[in-house]
Protein backbone atom coordinates (compact mmCIF):
# COMPACT_ATOMS: atom_id res chain seq x y z
CA UNK A 1 0.00 0.00 0.00
CA UNK A 2 1.31 3.42 -0.94
CA UNK A 3 2.03 6.09 1.66
CA UNK A 4 0.54 8.84 -0.53
CA UNK A 5 -2.64 8.96 -2.58
CA UNK A 6 -1.92 9.01 -6.29
CA UNK A 7 -2.84 11.90 -8.57
CA UNK A 8 -5.64 9.80 -10.07
CA UNK A 9 -7.05 9.03 -6.62
CA UNK A 10 -6.98 12.70 -5.63
CA UNK A 11 -8.69 13.63 -8.90
CA UNK A 12 -11.38 11.02 -8.28
CA UNK A 13 -11.82 12.18 -4.68
CA UNK A 14 -12.15 15.88 -5.48
CA UNK A 15 -13.61 15.84 -8.98
CA UNK A 16 -11.02 18.41 -10.13
CA UNK A 17 -7.93 18.14 -12.34
CA UNK A 18 -6.18 21.39 -11.43
CA UNK A 19 -4.04 21.15 -8.28
CA UNK A 20 -5.27 24.46 -6.88
CA UNK A 21 -8.89 23.36 -7.13
CA UNK A 22 -8.02 19.95 -5.69
CA UNK A 23 -6.27 21.49 -2.70
CA UNK A 24 -9.13 23.89 -2.00
CA UNK A 25 -11.66 21.03 -2.12
CA UNK A 26 -9.57 18.82 0.15
CA UNK A 27 -9.17 21.59 2.73
CA UNK A 28 -12.94 22.21 2.63
CA UNK A 29 -13.51 18.51 3.34
CA UNK A 30 -11.24 18.56 6.40
CA UNK A 31 -7.99 17.24 4.94
CA UNK A 32 -5.91 19.98 6.58
CA UNK A 33 -2.60 18.19 5.95
CA UNK A 34 -3.03 18.22 2.17
CA UNK A 35 -0.37 20.36 0.49
CA UNK A 36 1.32 20.99 -2.84
CA UNK A 37 4.72 19.62 -3.78
CA UNK A 38 7.31 22.36 -4.14
CA UNK A 39 8.89 21.03 -7.32
CA UNK A 40 6.02 19.50 -9.28
CA UNK A 41 3.09 21.44 -7.82
CA UNK A 42 1.02 18.28 -7.45
CA UNK A 43 -1.21 17.79 -4.43
CA UNK A 44 0.19 15.55 -1.70
CA UNK A 45 -2.18 13.73 0.64
CA UNK A 46 -0.88 11.11 3.05
CA UNK A 47 -2.92 7.91 3.22
CA UNK A 48 -2.94 7.69 7.06
CA UNK A 49 -4.39 11.22 7.22
CA UNK A 50 -6.95 10.33 4.55
CA UNK A 51 -7.96 7.21 6.50
CA UNK A 52 -8.22 9.14 9.78
CA UNK A 53 -10.43 11.87 8.32
CA UNK A 54 -12.66 9.32 6.59
CA UNK A 55 -12.98 7.38 9.86
CA UNK A 56 -14.13 10.53 11.64
CA UNK A 57 -11.08 11.30 13.75
CA UNK A 58 -11.28 14.92 14.88
CA UNK A 59 -14.99 15.18 14.11
CA UNK A 60 -17.68 16.89 16.17
CA UNK A 61 -18.30 13.65 18.10
CA UNK A 62 -14.74 13.78 19.42
CA UNK A 63 -15.11 17.46 20.28
CA UNK A 64 -17.57 16.51 23.05
CA UNK A 65 -14.79 14.72 24.91
CA UNK A 66 -12.41 17.65 24.91
CA UNK A 67 -12.01 19.48 28.23
CA UNK A 68 -13.70 22.84 28.37
CA UNK A 69 -12.03 25.84 29.91
CA UNK A 70 -14.25 27.95 32.12
CA UNK A 71 -13.51 31.61 32.73
CA UNK A 72 -12.39 32.35 36.30
CA UNK A 73 -15.05 33.78 38.61
CA UNK A 74 -14.82 37.54 38.94
CA UNK A 75 -14.57 39.08 42.39
CA UNK A 76 -16.82 41.92 43.28
CA UNK A 77 -15.11 45.16 44.19
CA UNK A 78 -16.68 47.06 47.08
PDB file of N, CA and C in Angstrom:
ATOM      1  N   UNK A   1       0.844  -1.182   0.000  1.00  0.00           N
ATOM      2  CA  UNK A   1       0.000   0.000   0.000  1.00  0.00           C
ATOM      3  C   UNK A   1       0.889   1.246   0.000  1.00  0.00           C
ATOM      4  N   UNK A   2       0.532   2.185  -0.801  1.00  0.00           N
ATOM      5  CA  UNK A   2       1.312   3.417  -0.940  1.00  0.00           C
ATOM      6  C   UNK A   2       1.107   4.337   0.265  1.00  0.00           C
ATOM      7  N   UNK A   3       2.101   5.142   0.564  1.00  0.00           N
ATOM      8  CA  UNK A   3       2.028   6.092   1.664  1.00  0.00           C
ATOM      9  C   UNK A   3       1.208   7.316   1.263  1.00  0.00           C
ATOM     10  N   UNK A   4       1.259   7.672  -0.023  1.00  0.00           N
ATOM     11  CA  UNK A   4       0.538   8.841  -0.526  1.00  0.00           C
ATOM     12  C   UNK A   4      -0.553   8.414  -1.491  1.00  0.00           C
ATOM     13  N   UNK A   5      -1.624   9.193  -1.562  1.00  0.00           N
ATOM     14  CA  UNK A   5      -2.640   8.957  -2.581  1.00  0.00           C
ATOM     15  C   UNK A   5      -2.074   9.388  -3.923  1.00  0.00           C
ATOM     16  N   UNK A   6      -2.418   8.673  -4.961  1.00  0.00           N
ATOM     17  CA  UNK A   6      -1.923   9.007  -6.295  1.00  0.00           C
ATOM     18  C   UNK A   6      -2.693  10.199  -6.857  1.00  0.00           C
ATOM     19  N   UNK A   7      -2.170  10.778  -7.920  1.00  0.00           N
ATOM     20  CA  UNK A   7      -2.841  11.903  -8.574  1.00  0.00           C
ATOM     21  C   UNK A   7      -4.222  11.500  -9.068  1.00  0.00           C
ATOM     22  N   UNK A   8      -4.340  10.282  -9.583  1.00  0.00           N
ATOM     23  CA  UNK A   8      -5.641   9.798 -10.067  1.00  0.00           C
ATOM     24  C   UNK A   8      -6.632   9.642  -8.920  1.00  0.00           C
ATOM     25  N   UNK A   9      -6.164   9.179  -7.768  1.00  0.00           N
ATOM     26  CA  UNK A   9      -7.047   9.030  -6.615  1.00  0.00           C
ATOM     27  C   UNK A   9      -7.512  10.386  -6.102  1.00  0.00           C
ATOM     28  N   UNK A  10      -6.613  11.359  -6.083  1.00  0.00           N
ATOM     29  CA  UNK A  10      -6.983  12.701  -5.635  1.00  0.00           C
ATOM     30  C   UNK A  10      -7.969  13.326  -6.608  1.00  0.00           C
ATOM     31  N   UNK A  11      -7.758  13.107  -7.897  1.00  0.00           N
ATOM     32  CA  UNK A  11      -8.687  13.630  -8.903  1.00  0.00           C
ATOM     33  C   UNK A  11     -10.067  12.993  -8.741  1.00  0.00           C
ATOM     34  N   UNK A  12     -10.108  11.711  -8.480  1.00  0.00           N
ATOM     35  CA  UNK A  12     -11.380  11.024  -8.280  1.00  0.00           C
ATOM     36  C   UNK A  12     -12.058  11.501  -6.998  1.00  0.00           C
ATOM     37  N   UNK A  13     -11.288  11.739  -5.961  1.00  0.00           N
ATOM     38  CA  UNK A  13     -11.825  12.179  -4.678  1.00  0.00           C
ATOM     39  C   UNK A  13     -12.412  13.582  -4.752  1.00  0.00           C
ATOM     40  N   UNK A  14     -11.719  14.484  -5.449  1.00  0.00           N
ATOM     41  CA  UNK A  14     -12.146  15.881  -5.484  1.00  0.00           C
ATOM     42  C   UNK A  14     -13.042  16.212  -6.661  1.00  0.00           C
ATOM     43  N   UNK A  15     -12.861  15.517  -7.768  1.00  0.00           N
ATOM     44  CA  UNK A  15     -13.606  15.845  -8.979  1.00  0.00           C
ATOM     45  C   UNK A  15     -12.943  16.931  -9.801  1.00  0.00           C
ATOM     46  N   UNK A  16     -11.743  17.346  -9.426  1.00  0.00           N
ATOM     47  CA  UNK A  16     -11.015  18.407 -10.126  1.00  0.00           C
ATOM     48  C   UNK A  16      -9.700  17.873 -10.675  1.00  0.00           C
ATOM     49  N   UNK A  17      -9.223  18.501 -11.751  1.00  0.00           N
ATOM     50  CA  UNK A  17      -7.930  18.137 -12.337  1.00  0.00           C
ATOM     51  C   UNK A  17      -6.833  19.120 -11.953  1.00  0.00           C
ATOM     52  N   UNK A  18      -7.187  20.384 -11.761  1.00  0.00           N
ATOM     53  CA  UNK A  18      -6.180  21.394 -11.431  1.00  0.00           C
ATOM     54  C   UNK A  18      -5.795  21.296  -9.955  1.00  0.00           C
ATOM     55  N   UNK A  19      -4.493  21.306  -9.662  1.00  0.00           N
ATOM     56  CA  UNK A  19      -4.045  21.147  -8.279  1.00  0.00           C
ATOM     57  C   UNK A  19      -4.593  22.198  -7.313  1.00  0.00           C
ATOM     58  N   UNK A  20      -4.735  23.426  -7.762  1.00  0.00           N
ATOM     59  CA  UNK A  20      -5.274  24.455  -6.878  1.00  0.00           C
ATOM     60  C   UNK A  20      -6.707  24.165  -6.465  1.00  0.00           C
ATOM     61  N   UNK A  21      -7.510  23.721  -7.425  1.00  0.00           N
ATOM     62  CA  UNK A  21      -8.895  23.359  -7.125  1.00  0.00           C
ATOM     63  C   UNK A  21      -8.956  22.116  -6.240  1.00  0.00           C
ATOM     64  N   UNK A  22      -8.069  21.166  -6.502  1.00  0.00           N
ATOM     65  CA  UNK A  22      -8.024  19.951  -5.688  1.00  0.00           C
ATOM     66  C   UNK A  22      -7.690  20.285  -4.238  1.00  0.00           C
ATOM     67  N   UNK A  23      -6.686  21.129  -4.046  1.00  0.00           N
ATOM     68  CA  UNK A  23      -6.266  21.486  -2.698  1.00  0.00           C
ATOM     69  C   UNK A  23      -7.372  22.219  -1.957  1.00  0.00           C
ATOM     70  N   UNK A  24      -8.036  23.143  -2.616  1.00  0.00           N
ATOM     71  CA  UNK A  24      -9.132  23.889  -1.996  1.00  0.00           C
ATOM     72  C   UNK A  24     -10.263  22.938  -1.578  1.00  0.00           C
ATOM     73  N   UNK A  25     -10.598  21.993  -2.427  1.00  0.00           N
ATOM     74  CA  UNK A  25     -11.661  21.030  -2.115  1.00  0.00           C
ATOM     75  C   UNK A  25     -11.266  20.121  -0.955  1.00  0.00           C
ATOM     76  N   UNK A  26     -10.023  19.674  -0.941  1.00  0.00           N
ATOM     77  CA  UNK A  26      -9.568  18.819   0.153  1.00  0.00           C
ATOM     78  C   UNK A  26      -9.594  19.560   1.484  1.00  0.00           C
ATOM     79  N   UNK A  27      -9.148  20.799   1.495  1.00  0.00           N
ATOM     80  CA  UNK A  27      -9.172  21.593   2.731  1.00  0.00           C
ATOM     81  C   UNK A  27     -10.605  21.795   3.207  1.00  0.00           C
ATOM     82  N   UNK A  28     -11.532  22.029   2.269  1.00  0.00           N
ATOM     83  CA  UNK A  28     -12.938  22.215   2.630  1.00  0.00           C
ATOM     84  C   UNK A  28     -13.533  20.941   3.224  1.00  0.00           C
ATOM     85  N   UNK A  29     -13.017  19.796   2.834  1.00  0.00           N
ATOM     86  CA  UNK A  29     -13.512  18.515   3.344  1.00  0.00           C
ATOM     87  C   UNK A  29     -12.812  18.070   4.624  1.00  0.00           C
ATOM     88  N   UNK A  30     -11.882  18.870   5.125  1.00  0.00           N
ATOM     89  CA  UNK A  30     -11.237  18.559   6.396  1.00  0.00           C
ATOM     90  C   UNK A  30      -9.876  17.914   6.301  1.00  0.00           C
ATOM     91  N   UNK A  31      -9.322  17.815   5.107  1.00  0.00           N
ATOM     92  CA  UNK A  31      -7.986  17.241   4.942  1.00  0.00           C
ATOM     93  C   UNK A  31      -6.961  18.365   5.095  1.00  0.00           C
ATOM     94  N   UNK A  32      -6.749  18.803   6.327  1.00  0.00           N
ATOM     95  CA  UNK A  32      -5.914  19.979   6.576  1.00  0.00           C
ATOM     96  C   UNK A  32      -4.435  19.726   6.316  1.00  0.00           C
ATOM     97  N   UNK A  33      -4.013  18.481   6.213  1.00  0.00           N
ATOM     98  CA  UNK A  33      -2.596  18.186   5.946  1.00  0.00           C
ATOM     99  C   UNK A  33      -2.281  18.072   4.469  1.00  0.00           C
ATOM    100  N   UNK A  34      -3.276  18.249   3.614  1.00  0.00           N
ATOM    101  CA  UNK A  34      -3.025  18.224   2.166  1.00  0.00           C
ATOM    102  C   UNK A  34      -2.185  19.442   1.805  1.00  0.00           C
ATOM    103  N   UNK A  35      -1.253  19.252   0.892  1.00  0.00           N
ATOM    104  CA  UNK A  35      -0.373  20.358   0.488  1.00  0.00           C
ATOM    105  C   UNK A  35       0.092  20.121  -0.939  1.00  0.00           C
ATOM    106  N   UNK A  36       0.783  21.112  -1.475  1.00  0.00           N
ATOM    107  CA  UNK A  36       1.324  20.990  -2.836  1.00  0.00           C
ATOM    108  C   UNK A  36       2.816  20.736  -2.772  1.00  0.00           C
ATOM    109  N   UNK A  37       3.289  19.898  -3.685  1.00  0.00           N
ATOM    110  CA  UNK A  37       4.722  19.615  -3.775  1.00  0.00           C
ATOM    111  C   UNK A  37       5.432  20.857  -4.296  1.00  0.00           C
ATOM    112  N   UNK A  38       6.585  21.154  -3.745  1.00  0.00           N
ATOM    113  CA  UNK A  38       7.314  22.356  -4.144  1.00  0.00           C
ATOM    114  C   UNK A  38       7.807  22.291  -5.578  1.00  0.00           C
ATOM    115  N   UNK A  39       8.281  21.149  -5.993  1.00  0.00           N
ATOM    116  CA  UNK A  39       8.895  21.029  -7.316  1.00  0.00           C
ATOM    117  C   UNK A  39       7.849  20.827  -8.408  1.00  0.00           C
ATOM    118  N   UNK A  40       6.974  19.843  -8.226  1.00  0.00           N
ATOM    119  CA  UNK A  40       6.017  19.495  -9.279  1.00  0.00           C
ATOM    120  C   UNK A  40       4.712  20.262  -9.183  1.00  0.00           C
ATOM    121  N   UNK A  41       4.352  20.732  -7.997  1.00  0.00           N
ATOM    122  CA  UNK A  41       3.092  21.444  -7.818  1.00  0.00           C
ATOM    123  C   UNK A  41       1.894  20.535  -7.639  1.00  0.00           C
ATOM    124  N   UNK A  42       2.113  19.218  -7.649  1.00  0.00           N
ATOM    125  CA  UNK A  42       1.016  18.276  -7.455  1.00  0.00           C
ATOM    126  C   UNK A  42       0.566  18.284  -5.997  1.00  0.00           C
ATOM    127  N   UNK A  43      -0.668  17.866  -5.778  1.00  0.00           N
ATOM    128  CA  UNK A  43      -1.214  17.793  -4.428  1.00  0.00           C
ATOM    129  C   UNK A  43      -0.708  16.525  -3.754  1.00  0.00           C
ATOM    130  N   UNK A  44      -0.284  16.667  -2.505  1.00  0.00           N
ATOM    131  CA  UNK A  44       0.193  15.546  -1.704  1.00  0.00           C
ATOM    132  C   UNK A  44      -0.801  15.334  -0.572  1.00  0.00           C
ATOM    133  N   UNK A  45      -1.280  14.102  -0.448  1.00  0.00           N
ATOM    134  CA  UNK A  45      -2.178  13.733   0.644  1.00  0.00           C
ATOM    135  C   UNK A  45      -1.730  12.375   1.169  1.00  0.00           C
ATOM    136  N   UNK A  46      -1.374  12.345   2.440  1.00  0.00           N
ATOM    137  CA  UNK A  46      -0.885  11.109   3.050  1.00  0.00           C
ATOM    138  C   UNK A  46      -2.053  10.171   3.329  1.00  0.00           C
ATOM    139  N   UNK A  47      -1.855   8.900   3.032  1.00  0.00           N
ATOM    140  CA  UNK A  47      -2.922   7.915   3.216  1.00  0.00           C
ATOM    141  C   UNK A  47      -3.368   7.787   4.677  1.00  0.00           C
ATOM    142  N   UNK A  48      -2.457   7.775   5.677  1.00  0.00           N
ATOM    143  CA  UNK A  48      -2.938   7.689   7.065  1.00  0.00           C
ATOM    144  C   UNK A  48      -3.846   8.869   7.447  1.00  0.00           C
ATOM    145  N   UNK A  49      -3.533  10.066   6.940  1.00  0.00           N
ATOM    146  CA  UNK A  49      -4.387  11.220   7.223  1.00  0.00           C
ATOM    147  C   UNK A  49      -5.735  11.062   6.524  1.00  0.00           C
ATOM    148  N   UNK A  50      -5.708  10.589   5.287  1.00  0.00           N
ATOM    149  CA  UNK A  50      -6.950  10.335   4.550  1.00  0.00           C
ATOM    150  C   UNK A  50      -7.816   9.330   5.304  1.00  0.00           C
ATOM    151  N   UNK A  51      -7.214   8.233   5.772  1.00  0.00           N
ATOM    152  CA  UNK A  51      -7.959   7.211   6.504  1.00  0.00           C
ATOM    153  C   UNK A  51      -8.532   7.764   7.805  1.00  0.00           C
ATOM    154  N   UNK A  52      -7.755   8.577   8.513  1.00  0.00           N
ATOM    155  CA  UNK A  52      -8.223   9.135   9.783  1.00  0.00           C
ATOM    156  C   UNK A  52      -9.399  10.080   9.579  1.00  0.00           C
ATOM    157  N   UNK A  53      -9.331  10.933   8.576  1.00  0.00           N
ATOM    158  CA  UNK A  53     -10.429  11.871   8.324  1.00  0.00           C
ATOM    159  C   UNK A  53     -11.676  11.111   7.887  1.00  0.00           C
ATOM    160  N   UNK A  54     -11.509  10.112   7.046  1.00  0.00           N
ATOM    161  CA  UNK A  54     -12.659   9.322   6.589  1.00  0.00           C
ATOM    162  C   UNK A  54     -13.282   8.522   7.728  1.00  0.00           C
ATOM    163  N   UNK A  55     -12.472   8.126   8.709  1.00  0.00           N
ATOM    164  CA  UNK A  55     -12.981   7.377   9.857  1.00  0.00           C
ATOM    165  C   UNK A  55     -13.646   8.286  10.875  1.00  0.00           C
ATOM    166  N   UNK A  56     -13.472   9.591  10.735  1.00  0.00           N
ATOM    167  CA  UNK A  56     -14.129  10.525  11.641  1.00  0.00           C
ATOM    168  C   UNK A  56     -13.253  11.035  12.760  1.00  0.00           C
ATOM    169  N   UNK A  57     -11.971  10.786  12.719  1.00  0.00           N
ATOM    170  CA  UNK A  57     -11.079  11.300  13.749  1.00  0.00           C
ATOM    171  C   UNK A  57     -11.070  12.818  13.687  1.00  0.00           C
ATOM    172  N   UNK A  58     -11.255  13.457  14.836  1.00  0.00           N
ATOM    173  CA  UNK A  58     -11.281  14.916  14.881  1.00  0.00           C
ATOM    174  C   UNK A  58     -12.625  15.501  14.515  1.00  0.00           C
ATOM    175  N   UNK A  59     -13.663  14.682  14.476  1.00  0.00           N
ATOM    176  CA  UNK A  59     -14.987  15.181  14.107  1.00  0.00           C
ATOM    177  C   UNK A  59     -15.685  15.790  15.311  1.00  0.00           C
ATOM    178  N   UNK A  60     -16.900  16.249  15.109  1.00  0.00           N
ATOM    179  CA  UNK A  60     -17.675  16.889  16.172  1.00  0.00           C
ATOM    180  C   UNK A  60     -17.943  15.922  17.320  1.00  0.00           C
ATOM    181  N   UNK A  61     -18.063  14.630  17.041  1.00  0.00           N
ATOM    182  CA  UNK A  61     -18.296  13.654  18.104  1.00  0.00           C
ATOM    183  C   UNK A  61     -17.118  13.617  19.069  1.00  0.00           C
ATOM    184  N   UNK A  62     -15.919  13.766  18.561  1.00  0.00           N
ATOM    185  CA  UNK A  62     -14.742  13.780  19.423  1.00  0.00           C
ATOM    186  C   UNK A  62     -14.594  15.105  20.151  1.00  0.00           C
ATOM    187  N   UNK A  63     -15.192  16.152  19.639  1.00  0.00           N
ATOM    188  CA  UNK A  63     -15.109  17.458  20.282  1.00  0.00           C
ATOM    189  C   UNK A  63     -15.842  17.453  21.622  1.00  0.00           C
ATOM    190  N   UNK A  64     -16.839  16.580  21.793  1.00  0.00           N
ATOM    191  CA  UNK A  64     -17.568  16.506  23.053  1.00  0.00           C
ATOM    192  C   UNK A  64     -16.660  16.070  24.189  1.00  0.00           C
ATOM    193  N   UNK A  65     -15.664  15.274  23.888  1.00  0.00           N
ATOM    194  CA  UNK A  65     -14.787  14.718  24.912  1.00  0.00           C
ATOM    195  C   UNK A  65     -13.638  15.638  25.292  1.00  0.00           C
ATOM    196  N   UNK A  66     -13.496  16.727  24.587  1.00  0.00           N
ATOM    197  CA  UNK A  66     -12.409  17.648  24.908  1.00  0.00           C
ATOM    198  C   UNK A  66     -12.731  18.411  26.183  1.00  0.00           C
ATOM    199  N   UNK A  67     -11.740  18.691  27.025  1.00  0.00           N
ATOM    200  CA  UNK A  67     -12.010  19.483  28.227  1.00  0.00           C
ATOM    201  C   UNK A  67     -12.372  20.911  27.853  1.00  0.00           C
ATOM    202  N   UNK A  68     -13.265  21.462  28.613  1.00  0.00           N
ATOM    203  CA  UNK A  68     -13.701  22.838  28.369  1.00  0.00           C
ATOM    204  C   UNK A  68     -13.073  23.746  29.427  1.00  0.00           C
ATOM    205  N   UNK A  69     -12.638  24.882  29.007  1.00  0.00           N
ATOM    206  CA  UNK A  69     -12.032  25.845  29.914  1.00  0.00           C
ATOM    207  C   UNK A  69     -13.104  26.842  30.319  1.00  0.00           C
ATOM    208  N   UNK A  70     -13.271  26.984  31.624  1.00  0.00           N
ATOM    209  CA  UNK A  70     -14.250  27.949  32.120  1.00  0.00           C
ATOM    210  C   UNK A  70     -13.524  29.226  32.517  1.00  0.00           C
ATOM    211  N   UNK A  71     -14.147  30.365  32.299  1.00  0.00           N
ATOM    212  CA  UNK A  71     -13.507  31.610  32.733  1.00  0.00           C
ATOM    213  C   UNK A  71     -13.480  31.663  34.260  1.00  0.00           C
ATOM    214  N   UNK A  72     -12.464  32.276  34.836  1.00  0.00           N
ATOM    215  CA  UNK A  72     -12.388  32.351  36.297  1.00  0.00           C
ATOM    216  C   UNK A  72     -13.508  33.241  36.835  1.00  0.00           C
ATOM    217  N   UNK A  73     -14.002  32.930  38.040  1.00  0.00           N
ATOM    218  CA  UNK A  73     -15.051  33.783  38.610  1.00  0.00           C
ATOM    219  C   UNK A  73     -14.474  35.160  38.939  1.00  0.00           C
ATOM    220  N   UNK A  74     -15.254  36.163  38.681  1.00  0.00           N
ATOM    221  CA  UNK A  74     -14.817  37.537  38.937  1.00  0.00           C
ATOM    222  C   UNK A  74     -15.194  37.926  40.359  1.00  0.00           C
ATOM    223  N   UNK A  75     -14.280  38.608  41.034  1.00  0.00           N
ATOM    224  CA  UNK A  75     -14.569  39.083  42.387  1.00  0.00           C
ATOM    225  C   UNK A  75     -15.269  40.419  42.300  1.00  0.00           C
ATOM    226  N   UNK A  76     -16.128  40.627  43.238  1.00  0.00           N
ATOM    227  CA  UNK A  76     -16.818  41.923  43.282  1.00  0.00           C
ATOM    228  C   UNK A  76     -15.968  42.915  44.063  1.00  0.00           C
ATOM    229  N   UNK A  77     -15.876  44.095  43.537  1.00  0.00           N
ATOM    230  CA  UNK A  77     -15.113  45.156  44.186  1.00  0.00           C
ATOM    231  C   UNK A  77     -16.094  46.013  44.959  1.00  0.00           C
ATOM    232  N   UNK A  78     -15.781  46.244  46.240  1.00  0.00           N
ATOM    233  CA  UNK A  78     -16.678  47.059  47.079  1.00  0.00           C
ATOM    234  C   UNK A  78     -16.254  48.489  47.090  1.00  0.00           C
TER     235      UNK A  78
END
